[in-house]
Amino acid sequence: MHEMSLAEGILDLIEDAARREGFGRVRTVFLEIGRLSSVEPEAMAFCFDAVARDSIAAGARLEIIAVPGTGFCLDCGRETMLEAVYDPCEHCGVAPVRVTGGTEMRVRELDVE
């Protein structure tokens, strides 16, 4: 489960920000997860709760913001929504398309005390 190492990385980012910005506790972590990122939101929530225990983020709520998968069709030249990396263009049916969004995962915001 790679979500555990990702959750540990998120906690490292939070702890670095706390040292830099001087806050003492995190109430909410707003995390963007792309549809095509291969990160399972439920697994991420479970793993984040596990790694956050006994840390500055203990008890923090993880607010997951879903980022849709998008692509650009090289055949018809239009943007298309994607549920999976190799989905065809929703407009013309040609596959594959060039993925343009939804592969990312990032901490968007922290609500801190």
N, C-alpha and C. Protein backbone atom coordinates (compact mmCIF):
# COMPACT_ATOMS: atom_id res chain seq x y z
N MET A 1 0.86 -1.18 0.00
CA MET A 1 0.00 0.00 0.00
C MET A 1 0.90 1.23 0.00
N HIS A 2 1.01 1.89 -1.15
CA HIS A 2 1.88 3.06 -1.24
C HIS A 2 1.28 4.28 -0.56
N GLU A 3 0.01 4.23 -0.21
CA GLU A 3 -0.61 5.36 0.49
C GLU A 3 0.05 5.63 1.84
N MET A 4 0.60 4.58 2.49
CA MET A 4 1.26 4.77 3.77
C MET A 4 2.49 5.67 3.61
N SER A 5 3.32 5.41 2.61
CA SER A 5 4.50 6.26 2.41
C SER A 5 4.09 7.66 1.97
N LEU A 6 3.02 7.77 1.20
CA LEU A 6 2.52 9.11 0.82
C LEU A 6 2.03 9.87 2.04
N ALA A 7 1.32 9.18 2.93
CA ALA A 7 0.83 9.82 4.16
C ALA A 7 2.00 10.27 5.03
N GLU A 8 3.05 9.48 5.10
CA GLU A 8 4.24 9.87 5.85
C GLU A 8 4.87 11.12 5.24
N GLY A 9 4.89 11.19 3.92
CA GLY A 9 5.40 12.38 3.24
C GLY A 9 4.58 13.62 3.53
N ILE A 10 3.26 13.45 3.58
CA ILE A 10 2.37 14.58 3.92
C ILE A 10 2.66 15.06 5.34
N LEU A 11 2.83 14.12 6.26
CA LEU A 11 3.14 14.51 7.64
C LEU A 11 4.48 15.24 7.70
N ASP A 12 5.47 14.80 6.94
CA ASP A 12 6.75 15.52 6.89
C ASP A 12 6.57 16.95 6.41
N LEU A 13 5.74 17.14 5.36
CA LEU A 13 5.46 18.49 4.87
C LEU A 13 4.81 19.35 5.94
N ILE A 14 3.85 18.77 6.66
CA ILE A 14 3.15 19.50 7.73
C ILE A 14 4.12 19.90 8.83
N GLU A 15 4.96 18.97 9.25
CA GLU A 15 5.92 19.27 10.31
C GLU A 15 6.93 20.33 9.89
N ASP A 16 7.37 20.28 8.63
CA ASP A 16 8.26 21.32 8.11
C ASP A 16 7.58 22.68 8.12
N ALA A 17 6.31 22.72 7.69
CA ALA A 17 5.55 23.97 7.68
C ALA A 17 5.35 24.50 9.10
N ALA A 18 5.11 23.60 10.05
CA ALA A 18 4.92 24.03 11.45
C ALA A 18 6.20 24.67 12.00
N ARG A 19 7.34 24.10 11.71
CA ARG A 19 8.61 24.69 12.16
C ARG A 19 8.84 26.06 11.50
N ARG A 20 8.55 26.14 10.23
CA ARG A 20 8.78 27.37 9.47
C ARG A 20 7.79 28.47 9.87
N GLU A 21 6.51 28.10 10.04
CA GLU A 21 5.46 29.09 10.27
C GLU A 21 5.10 29.26 11.75
N GLY A 22 5.52 28.34 12.59
CA GLY A 22 5.31 28.48 14.03
C GLY A 22 3.92 28.13 14.53
N PHE A 23 3.19 27.28 13.87
CA PHE A 23 1.89 26.86 14.41
C PHE A 23 2.05 25.59 15.25
N GLY A 24 1.07 25.37 16.14
CA GLY A 24 1.20 24.29 17.10
C GLY A 24 0.33 23.07 16.86
N ARG A 25 -0.72 23.22 16.06
CA ARG A 25 -1.63 22.10 15.85
C ARG A 25 -2.33 22.26 14.51
N VAL A 26 -2.61 21.14 13.88
CA VAL A 26 -3.34 21.13 12.61
C VAL A 26 -4.74 20.61 12.87
N ARG A 27 -5.74 21.36 12.43
CA ARG A 27 -7.13 20.92 12.57
C ARG A 27 -7.63 20.20 11.33
N THR A 28 -7.28 20.74 10.14
CA THR A 28 -7.75 20.15 8.88
C THR A 28 -6.65 20.22 7.83
N VAL A 29 -6.51 19.13 7.09
CA VAL A 29 -5.60 19.08 5.95
C VAL A 29 -6.47 18.94 4.71
N PHE A 30 -6.36 19.89 3.79
CA PHE A 30 -7.09 19.83 2.53
C PHE A 30 -6.14 19.24 1.49
N LEU A 31 -6.50 18.05 1.01
CA LEU A 31 -5.63 17.30 0.12
C LEU A 31 -6.32 17.05 -1.21
N GLU A 32 -5.70 17.51 -2.29
CA GLU A 32 -6.22 17.23 -3.63
C GLU A 32 -5.65 15.90 -4.11
N ILE A 33 -6.55 15.03 -4.59
CA ILE A 33 -6.13 13.75 -5.15
C ILE A 33 -6.74 13.61 -6.53
N GLY A 34 -5.89 13.47 -7.53
CA GLY A 34 -6.35 13.33 -8.90
C GLY A 34 -6.94 11.95 -9.17
N ARG A 35 -7.95 11.92 -10.00
CA ARG A 35 -8.63 10.67 -10.36
C ARG A 35 -7.67 9.67 -10.99
N LEU A 36 -6.66 10.15 -11.68
CA LEU A 36 -5.72 9.28 -12.38
C LEU A 36 -4.40 9.10 -11.62
N SER A 37 -4.38 9.46 -10.35
CA SER A 37 -3.14 9.44 -9.56
C SER A 37 -2.77 8.08 -8.99
N SER A 38 -3.66 7.11 -9.08
CA SER A 38 -3.45 5.78 -8.48
C SER A 38 -3.40 5.84 -6.96
N VAL A 39 -4.00 6.87 -6.38
CA VAL A 39 -4.11 6.98 -4.92
C VAL A 39 -5.57 6.76 -4.56
N GLU A 40 -5.81 5.80 -3.68
CA GLU A 40 -7.17 5.51 -3.22
C GLU A 40 -7.51 6.43 -2.04
N PRO A 41 -8.51 7.29 -2.18
CA PRO A 41 -8.84 8.22 -1.10
C PRO A 41 -9.12 7.56 0.24
N GLU A 42 -9.84 6.45 0.24
CA GLU A 42 -10.16 5.78 1.51
C GLU A 42 -8.90 5.24 2.17
N ALA A 43 -8.02 4.66 1.38
CA ALA A 43 -6.76 4.16 1.92
C ALA A 43 -5.89 5.31 2.43
N MET A 44 -5.90 6.43 1.72
CA MET A 44 -5.13 7.59 2.16
C MET A 44 -5.65 8.11 3.50
N ALA A 45 -6.96 8.18 3.65
CA ALA A 45 -7.54 8.65 4.91
C ALA A 45 -7.14 7.73 6.06
N PHE A 46 -7.20 6.43 5.84
CA PHE A 46 -6.82 5.45 6.86
C PHE A 46 -5.35 5.61 7.24
N CYS A 47 -4.50 5.69 6.24
CA CYS A 47 -3.06 5.80 6.48
C CYS A 47 -2.69 7.12 7.14
N PHE A 48 -3.34 8.20 6.73
CA PHE A 48 -3.04 9.49 7.34
C PHE A 48 -3.40 9.46 8.83
N ASP A 49 -4.54 8.90 9.17
CA ASP A 49 -4.92 8.79 10.59
C ASP A 49 -3.87 8.01 11.37
N ALA A 50 -3.35 6.95 10.76
CA ALA A 50 -2.36 6.11 11.44
C ALA A 50 -1.04 6.85 11.66
N VAL A 51 -0.53 7.54 10.64
CA VAL A 51 0.76 8.21 10.80
C VAL A 51 0.66 9.50 11.59
N ALA A 52 -0.52 10.10 11.67
CA ALA A 52 -0.68 11.38 12.37
C ALA A 52 -0.78 11.22 13.89
N ARG A 53 -1.05 10.01 14.36
CA ARG A 53 -1.13 9.79 15.82
C ARG A 53 0.16 10.26 16.47
N ASP A 54 0.01 10.91 17.62
CA ASP A 54 1.16 11.39 18.39
C ASP A 54 2.01 12.40 17.62
N SER A 55 1.37 13.17 16.75
CA SER A 55 2.09 14.20 15.99
C SER A 55 1.31 15.51 16.08
N ILE A 56 1.83 16.51 15.45
CA ILE A 56 1.17 17.82 15.39
C ILE A 56 -0.19 17.74 14.68
N ALA A 57 -0.39 16.68 13.89
CA ALA A 57 -1.64 16.50 13.14
C ALA A 57 -2.57 15.46 13.78
N ALA A 58 -2.29 15.07 15.01
CA ALA A 58 -3.14 14.08 15.68
C ALA A 58 -4.57 14.59 15.76
N GLY A 59 -5.50 13.78 15.29
CA GLY A 59 -6.92 14.15 15.31
C GLY A 59 -7.34 15.09 14.21
N ALA A 60 -6.42 15.47 13.33
CA ALA A 60 -6.77 16.38 12.23
C ALA A 60 -7.71 15.68 11.24
N ARG A 61 -8.60 16.46 10.70
CA ARG A 61 -9.52 15.95 9.68
C ARG A 61 -8.82 16.05 8.33
N LEU A 62 -8.92 14.99 7.54
CA LEU A 62 -8.37 14.99 6.19
C LEU A 62 -9.53 15.24 5.23
N GLU A 63 -9.51 16.40 4.61
CA GLU A 63 -10.54 16.78 3.65
C GLU A 63 -9.99 16.51 2.25
N ILE A 64 -10.54 15.47 1.60
CA ILE A 64 -10.05 15.08 0.28
C ILE A 64 -10.86 15.76 -0.81
N ILE A 65 -10.16 16.43 -1.70
CA ILE A 65 -10.77 17.14 -2.82
C ILE A 65 -10.43 16.34 -4.08
N ALA A 66 -11.45 15.80 -4.73
CA ALA A 66 -11.25 15.00 -5.93
C ALA A 66 -10.97 15.90 -7.13
N VAL A 67 -9.90 15.58 -7.84
CA VAL A 67 -9.54 16.31 -9.06
C VAL A 67 -9.85 15.39 -10.24
N PRO A 68 -10.70 15.83 -11.17
CA PRO A 68 -11.07 14.95 -12.28
C PRO A 68 -9.90 14.68 -13.22
N GLY A 69 -9.99 13.56 -13.90
CA GLY A 69 -9.02 13.24 -14.93
C GLY A 69 -9.40 13.94 -16.22
N THR A 70 -8.43 14.56 -16.86
CA THR A 70 -8.68 15.25 -18.12
C THR A 70 -7.59 14.89 -19.13
N GLY A 71 -7.95 15.03 -20.39
CA GLY A 71 -7.00 14.75 -21.44
C GLY A 71 -7.27 15.62 -22.66
N PHE A 72 -6.33 15.60 -23.58
CA PHE A 72 -6.46 16.33 -24.83
C PHE A 72 -6.39 15.31 -25.96
N CYS A 73 -7.41 15.32 -26.80
CA CYS A 73 -7.47 14.38 -27.92
C CYS A 73 -6.65 14.92 -29.08
N LEU A 74 -5.65 14.15 -29.47
CA LEU A 74 -4.79 14.56 -30.58
C LEU A 74 -5.49 14.42 -31.93
N ASP A 75 -6.61 13.66 -31.96
CA ASP A 75 -7.33 13.46 -33.20
C ASP A 75 -8.31 14.61 -33.48
N CYS A 76 -9.19 14.90 -32.50
CA CYS A 76 -10.19 15.95 -32.74
C CYS A 76 -9.81 17.30 -32.12
N GLY A 77 -8.75 17.32 -31.30
CA GLY A 77 -8.27 18.58 -30.73
C GLY A 77 -9.10 19.14 -29.61
N ARG A 78 -9.85 18.29 -28.90
CA ARG A 78 -10.72 18.77 -27.82
C ARG A 78 -10.28 18.19 -26.48
N GLU A 79 -10.60 18.93 -25.42
CA GLU A 79 -10.41 18.43 -24.06
C GLU A 79 -11.47 17.38 -23.78
N THR A 80 -11.09 16.37 -23.00
CA THR A 80 -12.03 15.30 -22.67
C THR A 80 -11.85 14.87 -21.22
N MET A 81 -12.90 14.41 -20.60
CA MET A 81 -12.84 13.88 -19.25
C MET A 81 -12.39 12.43 -19.32
N LEU A 82 -11.59 12.01 -18.34
CA LEU A 82 -11.07 10.65 -18.31
C LEU A 82 -11.34 10.00 -16.94
N GLU A 83 -11.80 8.78 -16.96
CA GLU A 83 -11.93 7.99 -15.73
C GLU A 83 -10.70 7.13 -15.52
N ALA A 84 -10.02 6.79 -16.61
CA ALA A 84 -8.80 5.99 -16.57
C ALA A 84 -7.83 6.53 -17.63
N VAL A 85 -6.55 6.25 -17.44
CA VAL A 85 -5.52 6.80 -18.31
C VAL A 85 -5.73 6.47 -19.78
N TYR A 86 -6.20 5.26 -20.08
CA TYR A 86 -6.32 4.84 -21.47
C TYR A 86 -7.73 4.94 -22.04
N ASP A 87 -8.59 5.73 -21.39
CA ASP A 87 -9.95 5.94 -21.92
C ASP A 87 -9.90 6.67 -23.26
N PRO A 88 -10.86 6.38 -24.12
CA PRO A 88 -10.94 7.10 -25.39
C PRO A 88 -11.54 8.50 -25.18
N CYS A 89 -11.39 9.33 -26.18
CA CYS A 89 -11.98 10.67 -26.19
C CYS A 89 -13.50 10.54 -26.10
N GLU A 90 -14.10 11.31 -25.22
CA GLU A 90 -15.56 11.27 -25.08
C GLU A 90 -16.28 11.89 -26.27
N HIS A 91 -15.57 12.64 -27.10
CA HIS A 91 -16.18 13.32 -28.23
C HIS A 91 -16.11 12.52 -29.53
N CYS A 92 -14.94 11.94 -29.81
CA CYS A 92 -14.78 11.24 -31.09
C CYS A 92 -14.49 9.75 -30.95
N GLY A 93 -14.22 9.29 -29.72
CA GLY A 93 -14.00 7.87 -29.48
C GLY A 93 -12.60 7.36 -29.76
N VAL A 94 -11.68 8.24 -30.15
CA VAL A 94 -10.32 7.82 -30.46
C VAL A 94 -9.53 7.67 -29.16
N ALA A 95 -8.69 6.64 -29.12
CA ALA A 95 -7.82 6.43 -27.96
C ALA A 95 -6.42 6.13 -28.47
N PRO A 96 -5.41 6.38 -27.70
CA PRO A 96 -5.46 7.08 -26.42
C PRO A 96 -5.42 8.59 -26.63
N VAL A 97 -5.64 9.29 -25.54
CA VAL A 97 -5.53 10.75 -25.55
C VAL A 97 -4.36 11.13 -24.64
N ARG A 98 -3.88 12.34 -24.78
CA ARG A 98 -2.79 12.82 -23.92
C ARG A 98 -3.38 13.29 -22.59
N VAL A 99 -2.95 12.72 -21.50
CA VAL A 99 -3.43 13.10 -20.17
C VAL A 99 -2.92 14.49 -19.84
N THR A 100 -3.84 15.37 -19.39
CA THR A 100 -3.47 16.74 -19.04
C THR A 100 -3.75 17.10 -17.58
N GLY A 101 -4.51 16.28 -16.88
CA GLY A 101 -4.81 16.58 -15.48
C GLY A 101 -5.37 15.38 -14.76
N GLY A 102 -5.29 15.45 -13.45
CA GLY A 102 -5.84 14.39 -12.62
C GLY A 102 -4.82 13.37 -12.16
N THR A 103 -3.55 13.61 -12.42
CA THR A 103 -2.51 12.68 -11.98
C THR A 103 -1.82 13.15 -10.69
N GLU A 104 -2.18 14.32 -10.24
CA GLU A 104 -1.47 14.94 -9.13
C GLU A 104 -2.09 14.59 -7.76
N MET A 105 -1.28 14.80 -6.74
CA MET A 105 -1.75 14.79 -5.36
C MET A 105 -0.97 15.90 -4.65
N ARG A 106 -1.68 16.79 -3.97
CA ARG A 106 -0.97 17.88 -3.29
C ARG A 106 -1.75 18.38 -2.09
N VAL A 107 -1.02 18.86 -1.11
CA VAL A 107 -1.64 19.52 0.04
C VAL A 107 -2.01 20.91 -0.43
N ARG A 108 -3.30 21.18 -0.43
CA ARG A 108 -3.79 22.47 -0.93
C ARG A 108 -3.78 23.53 0.17
N GLU A 109 -4.14 23.10 1.38
CA GLU A 109 -4.29 24.08 2.46
C GLU A 109 -4.26 23.36 3.79
N LEU A 110 -3.84 24.08 4.84
CA LEU A 110 -3.88 23.59 6.20
C LEU A 110 -4.67 24.56 7.06
N ASP A 111 -5.55 24.04 7.89
CA ASP A 111 -6.24 24.84 8.90
C ASP A 111 -5.53 24.56 10.21
N VAL A 112 -4.88 25.58 10.78
CA VAL A 112 -3.99 25.37 11.93
C VAL A 112 -4.36 26.29 13.10
N GLU A 113 -3.80 25.95 14.23
CA GLU A 113 -3.94 26.79 15.45
C GLU A 113 -2.58 27.30 15.84
